[in-house]
PDB file of N, CA and C in Angstrom:
ATOM      1  N   MET A   1     -39.884 181.009   9.067  1.00  0.00           N
ATOM      2  CA  MET A   1     -38.975 182.700   9.163  1.00  0.00           C
ATOM      3  C   MET A   1     -37.559 182.043   8.919  1.00  0.00           C
ATOM      4  N   GLY A   2     -36.198 182.189   9.633  1.00  0.00           N
ATOM      5  CA  GLY A   2     -34.993 181.569   9.027  1.00  0.00           C
ATOM      6  C   GLY A   2     -34.420 180.201   9.549  1.00  0.00           C
ATOM      7  N   GLU A   3     -33.951 179.295   8.967  1.00  0.00           N
ATOM      8  CA  GLU A   3     -33.577 178.351   9.638  1.00  0.00           C
ATOM      9  C   GLU A   3     -31.871 178.812  10.250  1.00  0.00           C
ATOM     10  N   LEU A   4     -31.925 178.764  11.372  1.00  0.00           N
ATOM     11  CA  LEU A   4     -30.777 178.712  11.719  1.00  0.00           C
ATOM     12  C   LEU A   4     -29.527 177.260  12.403  1.00  0.00           C
ATOM     13  N   ILE A   5     -28.717 177.558  11.544  1.00  0.00           N
ATOM     14  CA  ILE A   5     -27.956 176.577  11.719  1.00  0.00           C
ATOM     15  C   ILE A   5     -26.793 176.624  13.236  1.00  0.00           C
ATOM     16  N   LYS A   6     -26.519 175.990  13.858  1.00  0.00           N
ATOM     17  CA  LYS A   6     -25.596 176.029  15.137  1.00  0.00           C
ATOM     18  C   LYS A   6     -24.954 174.502  14.902  1.00  0.00           C
ATOM     19  N   PHE A   7     -24.052 174.995  15.625  1.00  0.00           N
ATOM     20  CA  PHE A   7     -22.563 174.178  14.996  1.00  0.00           C
ATOM     21  C   PHE A   7     -21.933 174.401  16.573  1.00  0.00           C
ATOM     22  N   SER A   8     -22.156 173.900  17.734  1.00  0.00           N
ATOM     23  CA  SER A   8     -21.816 173.974  19.172  1.00  0.00           C
ATOM     24  C   SER A   8     -20.581 173.213  19.098  1.00  0.00           C
ATOM     25  N   ASP A   9     -20.104 172.251  18.345  1.00  0.00           N
ATOM     26  CA  ASP A   9     -19.261 171.590  18.639  1.00  0.00           C
ATOM     27  C   ASP A   9     -17.454 171.623  17.795  1.00  0.00           C
ATOM     28  N   LEU A  10     -17.767 173.085  17.633  1.00  0.00           N
ATOM     29  CA  LEU A  10     -16.660 172.795  16.390  1.00  0.00           C
ATOM     30  C   LEU A  10     -15.225 173.525  17.688  1.00  0.00           C
ATOM     31  N   LYS A  11     -14.057 173.554  17.021  1.00  0.00           N
ATOM     32  CA  LYS A  11     -12.770 173.744  17.952  1.00  0.00           C
ATOM     33  C   LYS A  11     -12.782 175.008  16.936  1.00  0.00           C
ATOM     34  N   ASN A  12     -12.576 176.258  18.047  1.00  0.00           N
ATOM     35  CA  ASN A  12     -11.821 177.987  17.439  1.00  0.00           C
ATOM     36  C   ASN A  12     -10.586 177.425  16.329  1.00  0.00           C
ATOM     37  N   LYS A  13     -10.682 177.907  15.271  1.00  0.00           N
ATOM     38  CA  LYS A  13      -9.499 177.855  14.048  1.00  0.00           C
ATOM     39  C   LYS A  13      -9.083 179.431  13.842  1.00  0.00           C
ATOM     40  N   GLY A  14      -7.663 179.504  13.286  1.00  0.00           N
ATOM     41  CA  GLY A  14      -7.281 180.399  13.186  1.00  0.00           C
ATOM     42  C   GLY A  14      -6.488 181.123  14.772  1.00  0.00           C
ATOM     43  N   SER A  15      -5.867 182.071  14.383  1.00  0.00           N
ATOM     44  CA  SER A  15      -5.389 183.022  15.467  1.00  0.00           C
ATOM     45  C   SER A  15      -6.262 183.911  15.648  1.00  0.00           C
ATOM     46  N   GLU A  16      -5.758 184.572  16.652  1.00  0.00           N
ATOM     47  CA  GLU A  16      -6.468 185.298  17.461  1.00  0.00           C
ATOM     48  C   GLU A  16      -6.064 186.983  17.379  1.00  0.00           C
ATOM     49  N   LYS A  17      -4.925 187.360  16.686  1.00  0.00           N
ATOM     50  CA  LYS A  17      -4.777 188.500  16.557  1.00  0.00           C
ATOM     51  C   LYS A  17      -6.274 189.480  15.508  1.00  0.00           C
ATOM     52  N   SER A  18      -5.675 190.482  15.521  1.00  0.00           N
ATOM     53  CA  SER A  18      -6.928 191.439  14.563  1.00  0.00           C
ATOM     54  C   SER A  18      -6.049 192.017  13.569  1.00  0.00           C
ATOM     55  N   ALA A  19      -6.823 192.184  12.429  1.00  0.00           N
ATOM     56  CA  ALA A  19      -6.146 192.633  11.790  1.00  0.00           C
ATOM     57  C   ALA A  19      -6.006 194.254  11.842  1.00  0.00           C
ATOM     58  N   PRO A  20      -5.069 195.642  11.288  1.00  0.00           N
ATOM     59  CA  PRO A  20      -5.844 196.605  11.915  1.00  0.00           C
ATOM     60  C   PRO A  20      -6.756 198.020  11.120  1.00  0.00           C
ATOM     61  N   SER A  21      -6.945 197.029  10.096  1.00  0.00           N
ATOM     62  CA  SER A  21      -7.633 197.836   9.510  1.00  0.00           C
ATOM     63  C   SER A  21      -8.709 197.274   9.158  1.00  0.00           C
ATOM     64  N   GLU A  22      -9.405 196.069   9.812  1.00  0.00           N
ATOM     65  CA  GLU A  22     -10.580 195.114   9.942  1.00  0.00           C
ATOM     66  C   GLU A  22     -11.084 195.406  11.277  1.00  0.00           C
ATOM     67  N   LYS A  23     -11.778 196.004  11.226  1.00  0.00           N
ATOM     68  CA  LYS A  23     -12.777 195.484  12.837  1.00  0.00           C
ATOM     69  C   LYS A  23     -13.004 194.231  13.134  1.00  0.00           C
ATOM     70  N   ARG A  24     -13.060 193.455  14.143  1.00  0.00           N
ATOM     71  CA  ARG A  24     -13.577 192.385  13.596  1.00  0.00           C
ATOM     72  C   ARG A  24     -15.102 192.648  14.269  1.00  0.00           C
ATOM     73  N   GLU A  25     -16.252 191.907  13.434  1.00  0.00           N
ATOM     74  CA  GLU A  25     -17.819 192.182  13.704  1.00  0.00           C
ATOM     75  C   GLU A  25     -18.431 190.759  15.087  1.00  0.00           C
ATOM     76  N   GLY A  26     -18.736 191.299  16.225  1.00  0.00           N
ATOM     77  CA  GLY A  26     -19.254 189.803  16.629  1.00  0.00           C
ATOM     78  C   GLY A  26     -18.655 188.335  16.810  1.00  0.00           C
ATOM     79  N   ASN A  27     -19.584 187.501  17.407  1.00  0.00           N
ATOM     80  CA  ASN A  27     -18.732 186.486  17.359  1.00  0.00           C
ATOM     81  C   ASN A  27     -20.058 185.476  17.527  1.00  0.00           C
ATOM     82  N   ASP A  28     -19.994 185.058  16.811  1.00  0.00           N
ATOM     83  CA  ASP A  28     -21.602 183.925  16.728  1.00  0.00           C
ATOM     84  C   ASP A  28     -21.107 182.787  16.823  1.00  0.00           C
ATOM     85  N   ASP A  29     -21.945 181.922  17.164  1.00  0.00           N
ATOM     86  CA  ASP A  29     -21.956 180.585  17.396  1.00  0.00           C
ATOM     87  C   ASP A  29     -23.113 179.690  15.871  1.00  0.00           C
ATOM     88  N   HIS A  30     -23.819 180.891  15.318  1.00  0.00           N
ATOM     89  CA  HIS A  30     -24.788 179.981  14.266  1.00  0.00           C
ATOM     90  C   HIS A  30     -24.211 180.805  12.459  1.00  0.00           C
ATOM     91  N   LEU A  31     -24.951 180.273  12.298  1.00  0.00           N
ATOM     92  CA  LEU A  31     -24.728 181.082  10.255  1.00  0.00           C
ATOM     93  C   LEU A  31     -25.776 181.105  10.265  1.00  0.00           C
ATOM     94  N   ASN A  32     -26.435 182.470   9.846  1.00  0.00           N
ATOM     95  CA  ASN A  32     -27.961 182.231   9.825  1.00  0.00           C
ATOM     96  C   ASN A  32     -27.733 182.768   8.250  1.00  0.00           C
ATOM     97  N   MET A  33     -29.059 181.395   7.986  1.00  0.00           N
ATOM     98  CA  MET A  33     -28.497 181.705   6.633  1.00  0.00           C
ATOM     99  C   MET A  33     -29.744 182.663   5.323  1.00  0.00           C
ATOM    100  N   TYR A  34     -30.328 183.203   6.181  1.00  0.00           N
ATOM    101  CA  TYR A  34     -30.898 183.981   5.522  1.00  0.00           C
ATOM    102  C   TYR A  34     -30.363 185.811   5.490  1.00  0.00           C
ATOM    103  N   LYS A  35     -29.289 185.780   6.421  1.00  0.00           N
ATOM    104  CA  LYS A  35     -28.768 187.005   6.300  1.00  0.00           C
ATOM    105  C   LYS A  35     -27.406 186.764   5.254  1.00  0.00           C
ATOM    106  N   LEU A  36     -26.868 185.431   5.015  1.00  0.00           N
ATOM    107  CA  LEU A  36     -25.693 184.740   3.832  1.00  0.00           C
ATOM    108  C   LEU A  36     -26.401 184.921   2.883  1.00  0.00           C
ATOM    109  N   THR A  37     -27.824 184.708   2.363  1.00  0.00           N
ATOM    110  CA  THR A  37     -28.304 184.716   1.433  1.00  0.00           C
ATOM    111  C   THR A  37     -28.726 186.915   0.856  1.00  0.00           C
ATOM    112  N   ASP A  38     -28.843 187.544   1.772  1.00  0.00           N
ATOM    113  CA  ASP A  38     -28.436 188.826   1.602  1.00  0.00           C
ATOM    114  C   ASP A  38     -27.330 189.415   1.227  1.00  0.00           C
ATOM    115  N   VAL A  39     -26.366 188.849   1.862  1.00  0.00           N
ATOM    116  CA  VAL A  39     -24.881 189.554   1.518  1.00  0.00           C
ATOM    117  C   VAL A  39     -24.837 189.272   0.369  1.00  0.00           C
ATOM    118  N   LEU A  40     -24.491 187.468  -0.138  1.00  0.00           N
ATOM    119  CA  LEU A  40     -24.868 186.993  -1.440  1.00  0.00           C
ATOM    120  C   LEU A  40     -25.687 187.583  -2.484  1.00  0.00           C
ATOM    121  N   ASN A  41     -26.775 188.139  -1.997  1.00  0.00           N
ATOM    122  CA  ASN A  41     -27.136 189.256  -3.358  1.00  0.00           C
ATOM    123  C   ASN A  41     -26.885 190.599  -3.210  1.00  0.00           C
ATOM    124  N   ILE A  42     -26.752 191.075  -2.237  1.00  0.00           N
ATOM    125  CA  ILE A  42     -25.513 192.516  -2.192  1.00  0.00           C
ATOM    126  C   ILE A  42     -24.364 192.237  -2.814  1.00  0.00           C
ATOM    127  N   LEU A  43     -23.427 191.421  -3.280  1.00  0.00           N
ATOM    128  CA  LEU A  43     -22.030 190.805  -3.364  1.00  0.00           C
ATOM    129  C   LEU A  43     -22.297 191.304  -4.591  1.00  0.00           C
ATOM    130  N   THR A  44     -23.337 190.284  -5.166  1.00  0.00           N
ATOM    131  CA  THR A  44     -24.112 190.140  -6.855  1.00  0.00           C
ATOM    132  C   THR A  44     -23.937 191.500  -7.194  1.00  0.00           C
ATOM    133  N   ALA A  45     -24.605 191.802  -6.858  1.00  0.00           N
ATOM    134  CA  ALA A  45     -24.805 193.232  -7.290  1.00  0.00           C
ATOM    135  C   ALA A  45     -24.183 194.149  -7.594  1.00  0.00           C
ATOM    136  N   LEU A  46     -23.436 194.471  -6.226  1.00  0.00           N
ATOM    137  CA  LEU A  46     -21.715 195.608  -6.502  1.00  0.00           C
ATOM    138  C   LEU A  46     -21.478 195.087  -7.719  1.00  0.00           C
ATOM    139  N   LYS A  47     -20.951 193.512  -7.715  1.00  0.00           N
ATOM    140  CA  LYS A  47     -19.923 193.017  -8.725  1.00  0.00           C
ATOM    141  C   LYS A  47     -20.701 193.073 -10.535  1.00  0.00           C
ATOM    142  N   LYS A  48     -21.497 193.104 -10.810  1.00  0.00           N
ATOM    143  CA  LYS A  48     -22.330 193.337 -11.620  1.00  0.00           C
ATOM    144  C   LYS A  48     -22.183 195.000 -11.747  1.00  0.00           C
ATOM    145  N   ALA A  49     -22.125 195.906 -10.886  1.00  0.00           N
ATOM    146  CA  ALA A  49     -22.516 197.321 -11.227  1.00  0.00           C
ATOM    147  C   ALA A  49     -20.975 197.856 -11.525  1.00  0.00           C
ATOM    148  N   ASP A  50     -19.574 197.416 -10.397  1.00  0.00           N
ATOM    149  CA  ASP A  50     -18.331 197.391 -10.298  1.00  0.00           C
ATOM    150  C   ASP A  50     -17.582 196.372 -10.504  1.00  0.00           C
ATOM    151  N   ILE A  51     -16.890 195.590 -11.301  1.00  0.00           N
ATOM    152  CA  ILE A  51     -16.532 194.335 -11.106  1.00  0.00           C
ATOM    153  C   ILE A  51     -14.889 195.138 -10.421  1.00  0.00           C
ATOM    154  N   SER A  52     -14.841 196.030 -10.758  1.00  0.00           N
ATOM    155  CA  SER A  52     -12.954 196.575 -10.563  1.00  0.00           C
ATOM    156  C   SER A  52     -12.903 196.346  -8.750  1.00  0.00           C
ATOM    157  N   ALA A  53     -14.015 196.769  -8.113  1.00  0.00           N
ATOM    158  CA  ALA A  53     -13.845 196.639  -6.662  1.00  0.00           C
ATOM    159  C   ALA A  53     -13.526 195.101  -6.579  1.00  0.00           C
ATOM    160  N   PHE A  54     -13.627 194.189  -6.921  1.00  0.00           N
ATOM    161  CA  PHE A  54     -13.642 192.457  -6.728  1.00  0.00           C
ATOM    162  C   PHE A  54     -11.939 192.251  -7.755  1.00  0.00           C
ATOM    163  N   GLY A  55     -10.989 192.921  -7.792  1.00  0.00           N
ATOM    164  CA  GLY A  55     -10.021 192.564  -8.075  1.00  0.00           C
ATOM    165  C   GLY A  55      -9.432 191.276  -7.399  1.00  0.00           C
ATOM    166  N   GLN A  56      -8.867 190.258  -8.087  1.00  0.00           N
ATOM    167  CA  GLN A  56      -8.067 188.718  -7.710  1.00  0.00           C
ATOM    168  C   GLN A  56      -6.952 189.371  -6.499  1.00  0.00           C
ATOM    169  N   ARG A  57      -6.212 190.068  -6.758  1.00  0.00           N
ATOM    170  CA  ARG A  57      -5.087 190.730  -5.896  1.00  0.00           C
ATOM    171  C   ARG A  57      -5.548 191.270  -4.369  1.00  0.00           C
ATOM    172  N   THR A  58      -6.659 192.562  -4.946  1.00  0.00           N
ATOM    173  CA  THR A  58      -7.301 192.704  -3.478  1.00  0.00           C
ATOM    174  C   THR A  58      -7.979 191.405  -2.945  1.00  0.00           C
ATOM    175  N   ILE A  59      -9.011 190.440  -3.209  1.00  0.00           N
ATOM    176  CA  ILE A  59      -9.743 189.291  -2.647  1.00  0.00           C
ATOM    177  C   ILE A  59      -8.774 188.309  -1.911  1.00  0.00           C
ATOM    178  N   ASP A  60      -7.147 188.591  -2.665  1.00  0.00           N
ATOM    179  CA  ASP A  60      -6.498 187.472  -2.263  1.00  0.00           C
ATOM    180  C   ASP A  60      -5.779 188.321  -0.660  1.00  0.00           C
ATOM    181  N   ARG A  61      -5.757 188.944  -0.731  1.00  0.00           N
ATOM    182  CA  ARG A  61      -5.043 189.581   0.343  1.00  0.00           C
ATOM    183  C   ARG A  61      -6.010 189.562   1.449  1.00  0.00           C
ATOM    184  N   LYS A  62      -7.292 189.940   1.116  1.00  0.00           N
ATOM    185  CA  LYS A  62      -8.506 189.915   1.807  1.00  0.00           C
ATOM    186  C   LYS A  62      -8.617 188.656   2.741  1.00  0.00           C
ATOM    187  N   ARG A  63      -8.218 187.480   1.638  1.00  0.00           N
ATOM    188  CA  ARG A  63      -8.711 186.251   2.319  1.00  0.00           C
ATOM    189  C   ARG A  63      -7.268 185.842   3.132  1.00  0.00           C
ATOM    190  N   LYS A  64      -6.272 186.531   2.990  1.00  0.00           N
ATOM    191  CA  LYS A  64      -5.223 186.384   4.388  1.00  0.00           C
ATOM    192  C   LYS A  64      -5.396 186.423   5.501  1.00  0.00           C
ATOM    193  N   LEU A  65      -6.747 187.804   5.737  1.00  0.00           N
ATOM    194  CA  LEU A  65      -6.880 188.839   6.551  1.00  0.00           C
ATOM    195  C   LEU A  65      -7.774 187.653   7.198  1.00  0.00           C
ATOM    196  N   VAL A  66      -8.725 187.221   6.323  1.00  0.00           N
ATOM    197  CA  VAL A  66     -10.463 186.462   6.715  1.00  0.00           C
ATOM    198  C   VAL A  66      -9.881 184.681   7.612  1.00  0.00           C
ATOM    199  N   SER A  67      -8.104 184.425   6.768  1.00  0.00           N
ATOM    200  CA  SER A  67      -8.184 182.852   6.949  1.00  0.00           C
ATOM    201  C   SER A  67      -7.738 182.866   8.346  1.00  0.00           C
ATOM    202  N   GLY A  68      -7.661 183.547   9.074  1.00  0.00           N
ATOM    203  CA  GLY A  68      -7.243 183.586  11.036  1.00  0.00           C
ATOM    204  C   GLY A  68      -8.184 183.851  11.739  1.00  0.00           C
ATOM    205  N   TYR A  69      -9.708 184.376  11.058  1.00  0.00           N
ATOM    206  CA  TYR A  69     -10.109 184.355  11.797  1.00  0.00           C
ATOM    207  C   TYR A  69     -10.965 183.175  12.317  1.00  0.00           C
ATOM    208  N   THR A  70     -11.387 183.018  13.498  1.00  0.00           N
ATOM    209  CA  THR A  70     -11.963 181.961  14.074  1.00  0.00           C
ATOM    210  C   THR A  70     -13.765 181.894  12.993  1.00  0.00           C
ATOM    211  N   ASP A  71     -14.325 180.432  13.195  1.00  0.00           N
ATOM    212  CA  ASP A  71     -15.599 179.963  11.968  1.00  0.00           C
ATOM    213  C   ASP A  71     -16.423 181.265  12.996  1.00  0.00           C
ATOM    214  N   ASN A  72     -16.296 181.486  14.431  1.00  0.00           N
ATOM    215  CA  ASN A  72     -17.354 182.151  14.802  1.00  0.00           C
ATOM    216  C   ASN A  72     -17.307 183.661  14.703  1.00  0.00           C
ATOM    217  N   GLU A  73     -16.076 184.191  14.364  1.00  0.00           N
ATOM    218  CA  GLU A  73     -16.124 185.437  13.765  1.00  0.00           C
ATOM    219  C   GLU A  73     -16.533 185.890  12.473  1.00  0.00           C
ATOM    220  N   LEU A  74     -16.347 184.467  11.706  1.00  0.00           N
ATOM    221  CA  LEU A  74     -16.424 184.686  10.368  1.00  0.00           C
ATOM    222  C   LEU A  74     -18.320 184.966  10.513  1.00  0.00           C
ATOM    223  N   PHE A  75     -18.909 184.273  11.218  1.00  0.00           N
ATOM    224  CA  PHE A  75     -20.378 184.073  11.355  1.00  0.00           C
ATOM    225  C   PHE A  75     -20.690 185.368  11.708  1.00  0.00           C
ATOM    226  N   GLY A  76     -19.901 185.733  12.607  1.00  0.00           N
ATOM    227  CA  GLY A  76     -20.810 187.715  13.101  1.00  0.00           C
ATOM    228  C   GLY A  76     -20.489 188.017  11.998  1.00  0.00           C
ATOM    229  N   TRP A  77     -19.242 187.723  11.314  1.00  0.00           N
ATOM    230  CA  TRP A  77     -19.085 189.145   9.994  1.00  0.00           C
ATOM    231  C   TRP A  77     -20.540 189.251   9.524  1.00  0.00           C
ATOM    232  N   ILE A  78     -21.084 187.799   9.136  1.00  0.00           N
ATOM    233  CA  ILE A  78     -22.678 187.363   8.169  1.00  0.00           C
ATOM    234  C   ILE A  78     -23.633 187.917   8.605  1.00  0.00           C
ATOM    235  N   ASN A  79     -23.618 187.728  10.169  1.00  0.00           N
ATOM    236  CA  ASN A  79     -24.733 188.021  10.627  1.00  0.00           C
ATOM    237  C   ASN A  79     -25.366 189.099  11.388  1.00  0.00           C
ATOM    238  N   ASN A  80     -23.792 190.124  11.404  1.00  0.00           N
ATOM    239  CA  ASN A  80     -24.743 191.671  11.545  1.00  0.00           C
ATOM    240  C   ASN A  80     -23.536 192.289  10.972  1.00  0.00           C
ATOM    241  N   TYR A  81     -23.536 191.894   9.332  1.00  0.00           N
ATOM    242  CA  TYR A  81     -23.481 192.347   8.680  1.00  0.00           C
ATOM    243  C   TYR A  81     -24.675 193.881   8.164  1.00  0.00           C
ATOM    244  N   THR A  82     -24.011 195.169   7.457  1.00  0.00           N
ATOM    245  CA  THR A  82     -24.684 196.125   7.433  1.00  0.00           C
ATOM    246  C   THR A  82     -24.444 196.303   5.448  1.00  0.00           C
ATOM    247  N   GLU A  83     -25.771 197.294   5.044  1.00  0.00           N
ATOM    248  CA  GLU A  83     -25.569 196.828   3.576  1.00  0.00           C
ATOM    249  C   GLU A  83     -24.237 197.892   3.212  1.00  0.00           C
ATOM    250  N   ALA A  84     -24.194 198.654   3.805  1.00  0.00           N
ATOM    251  CA  ALA A  84     -23.470 200.036   4.080  1.00  0.00           C
ATOM    252  C   ALA A  84     -21.535 199.603   4.558  1.00  0.00           C
ATOM    253  N   THR A  85     -21.677 198.556   4.921  1.00  0.00           N
ATOM    254  CA  THR A  85     -20.297 197.714   5.161  1.00  0.00           C
ATOM    255  C   THR A  85     -19.695 197.393   4.397  1.00  0.00           C
ATOM    256  N   ILE A  86     -20.898 196.437   3.610  1.00  0.00           N
ATOM    257  CA  ILE A  86     -20.630 195.373   2.507  1.00  0.00           C
ATOM    258  C   ILE A  86     -20.119 196.444   1.457  1.00  0.00           C
ATOM    259  N   LYS A  87     -20.985 197.754   1.228  1.00  0.00           N
ATOM    260  CA  LYS A  87     -20.065 198.526  -0.298  1.00  0.00           C
ATOM    261  C   LYS A  87     -19.132 198.973  -0.202  1.00  0.00           C
ATOM    262  N   VAL A  88     -18.660 199.664   1.272  1.00  0.00           N
ATOM    263  CA  VAL A  88     -17.420 199.858   1.214  1.00  0.00           C
ATOM    264  C   VAL A  88     -16.056 198.993   1.941  1.00  0.00           C
ATOM    265  N   HIS A  89     -16.591 197.659   1.776  1.00  0.00           N
ATOM    266  CA  HIS A  89     -15.580 197.098   1.912  1.00  0.00           C
ATOM    267  C   HIS A  89     -16.244 195.256   0.910  1.00  0.00           C
ATOM    268  N   PRO A  90     -16.444 195.188  -0.113  1.00  0.00           N
ATOM    269  CA  PRO A  90     -17.214 194.071  -1.180  1.00  0.00           C
ATOM    270  C   PRO A  90     -16.348 193.653  -1.366  1.00  0.00           C
ATOM    271  N   SER A  91     -14.369 193.110  -1.868  1.00  0.00           N
ATOM    272  CA  SER A  91     -13.564 192.342  -1.350  1.00  0.00           C
ATOM    273  C   SER A  91     -13.304 191.642  -0.126  1.00  0.00           C
ATOM    274  N   PHE A  92     -13.740 192.356   0.926  1.00  0.00           N
ATOM    275  CA  PHE A  92     -13.537 191.945   2.120  1.00  0.00           C
ATOM    276  C   PHE A  92     -14.726 190.776   2.464  1.00  0.00           C
ATOM    277  N   PHE A  93     -15.247 191.096   2.163  1.00  0.00           N
ATOM    278  CA  PHE A  93     -16.933 190.181   2.286  1.00  0.00           C
ATOM    279  C   PHE A  93     -17.049 188.863   1.323  1.00  0.00           C
ATOM    280  N   GLY A  94     -16.335 189.395  -0.032  1.00  0.00           N
ATOM    281  CA  GLY A  94     -16.401 188.247  -0.705  1.00  0.00           C
ATOM    282  C   GLY A  94     -15.286 187.274  -0.173  1.00  0.00           C
ATOM    283  N   ALA A  95     -14.584 187.843   0.926  1.00  0.00           N
ATOM    284  CA  ALA A  95     -13.110 186.713   0.984  1.00  0.00           C
ATOM    285  C   ALA A  95     -13.685 186.139   2.508  1.00  0.00           C
ATOM    286  N   ILE A  96     -14.741 186.427   2.951  1.00  0.00           N
ATOM    287  CA  ILE A  96     -15.370 185.746   3.816  1.00  0.00           C
ATOM    288  C   ILE A  96     -15.957 184.582   3.357  1.00  0.00           C
ATOM    289  N   ILE A  97     -16.990 184.999   2.347  1.00  0.00           N
ATOM    290  CA  ILE A  97     -17.598 184.099   1.535  1.00  0.00           C
ATOM    291  C   ILE A  97     -16.588 183.218   0.833  1.00  0.00           C
ATOM    292  N   ASP A  98     -15.769 183.543   0.432  1.00  0.00           N
ATOM    293  CA  ASP A  98     -14.525 182.081  -0.114  1.00  0.00           C
ATOM    294  C   ASP A  98     -13.928 181.219   0.947  1.00  0.00           C
ATOM    295  N   GLU A  99     -13.542 182.159   1.963  1.00  0.00           N
ATOM    296  CA  GLU A  99     -13.753 181.107   3.361  1.00  0.00           C
ATOM    297  C   GLU A  99     -14.602 180.379   4.076  1.00  0.00           C
ATOM    298  N   LEU A 100     -15.715 181.019   4.069  1.00  0.00           N
ATOM    299  CA  LEU A 100     -16.518 179.668   4.198  1.00  0.00           C
ATOM    300  C   LEU A 100     -17.105 178.574   3.427  1.00  0.00           C
ATOM    301  N   ARG A 101     -16.458 179.174   2.229  1.00  0.00           N
ATOM    302  CA  ARG A 101     -16.806 177.875   1.054  1.00  0.00           C
ATOM    303  C   ARG A 101     -15.395 177.238   1.560  1.00  0.00           C
ATOM    304  N   PHE A 102     -14.434 178.196   1.684  1.00  0.00           N
ATOM    305  CA  PHE A 102     -13.359 176.874   1.934  1.00  0.00           C
ATOM    306  C   PHE A 102     -13.182 175.984   3.016  1.00  0.00           C
ATOM    307  N   ARG A 103     -14.131 176.266   4.440  1.00  0.00           N
ATOM    308  CA  ARG A 103     -14.291 175.649   5.405  1.00  0.00           C
ATOM    309  C   ARG A 103     -15.262 174.583   5.121  1.00  0.00           C
ATOM    310  N   LYS A 104     -16.290 174.737   3.896  1.00  0.00           N
ATOM    311  CA  LYS A 104     -17.163 174.007   3.644  1.00  0.00           C
ATOM    312  C   LYS A 104     -18.204 174.005   4.772  1.00  0.00           C
ATOM    313  N   PHE A 105     -18.555 175.262   4.566  1.00  0.00           N
ATOM    314  CA  PHE A 105     -19.870 175.542   5.981  1.00  0.00           C
ATOM    315  C   PHE A 105     -20.940 176.244   4.675  1.00  0.00           C
ATOM    316  N   ILE A 106     -20.693 176.803   3.490  1.00  0.00           N
ATOM    317  CA  ILE A 106     -21.729 176.993   2.280  1.00  0.00           C
ATOM    318  C   ILE A 106     -21.498 176.573   1.032  1.00  0.00           C
TER     319      ILE A 106
END
């Protein structure tokens, strides 16, 4: 099955305010690597199909949004994704992946 990585001694990062345009999904204490791989595969397919959904301005705006999320909130978005949500908000999920890379989780 999948390897689950637990980050039990991490301190929360970011602010607690929620952006009005994006509902926060879950608050998990681990990052499911299989679900992360699925998200990356879906994003890659979407990027190949429609590069316009990944404009740098849009990703930069979404990155500002997700930089305020705690680690556990970012994990929750990945662990509780639906393919339909990713298709509607590809740049948001791209920004989550960028933020996870920035925080050295992937």
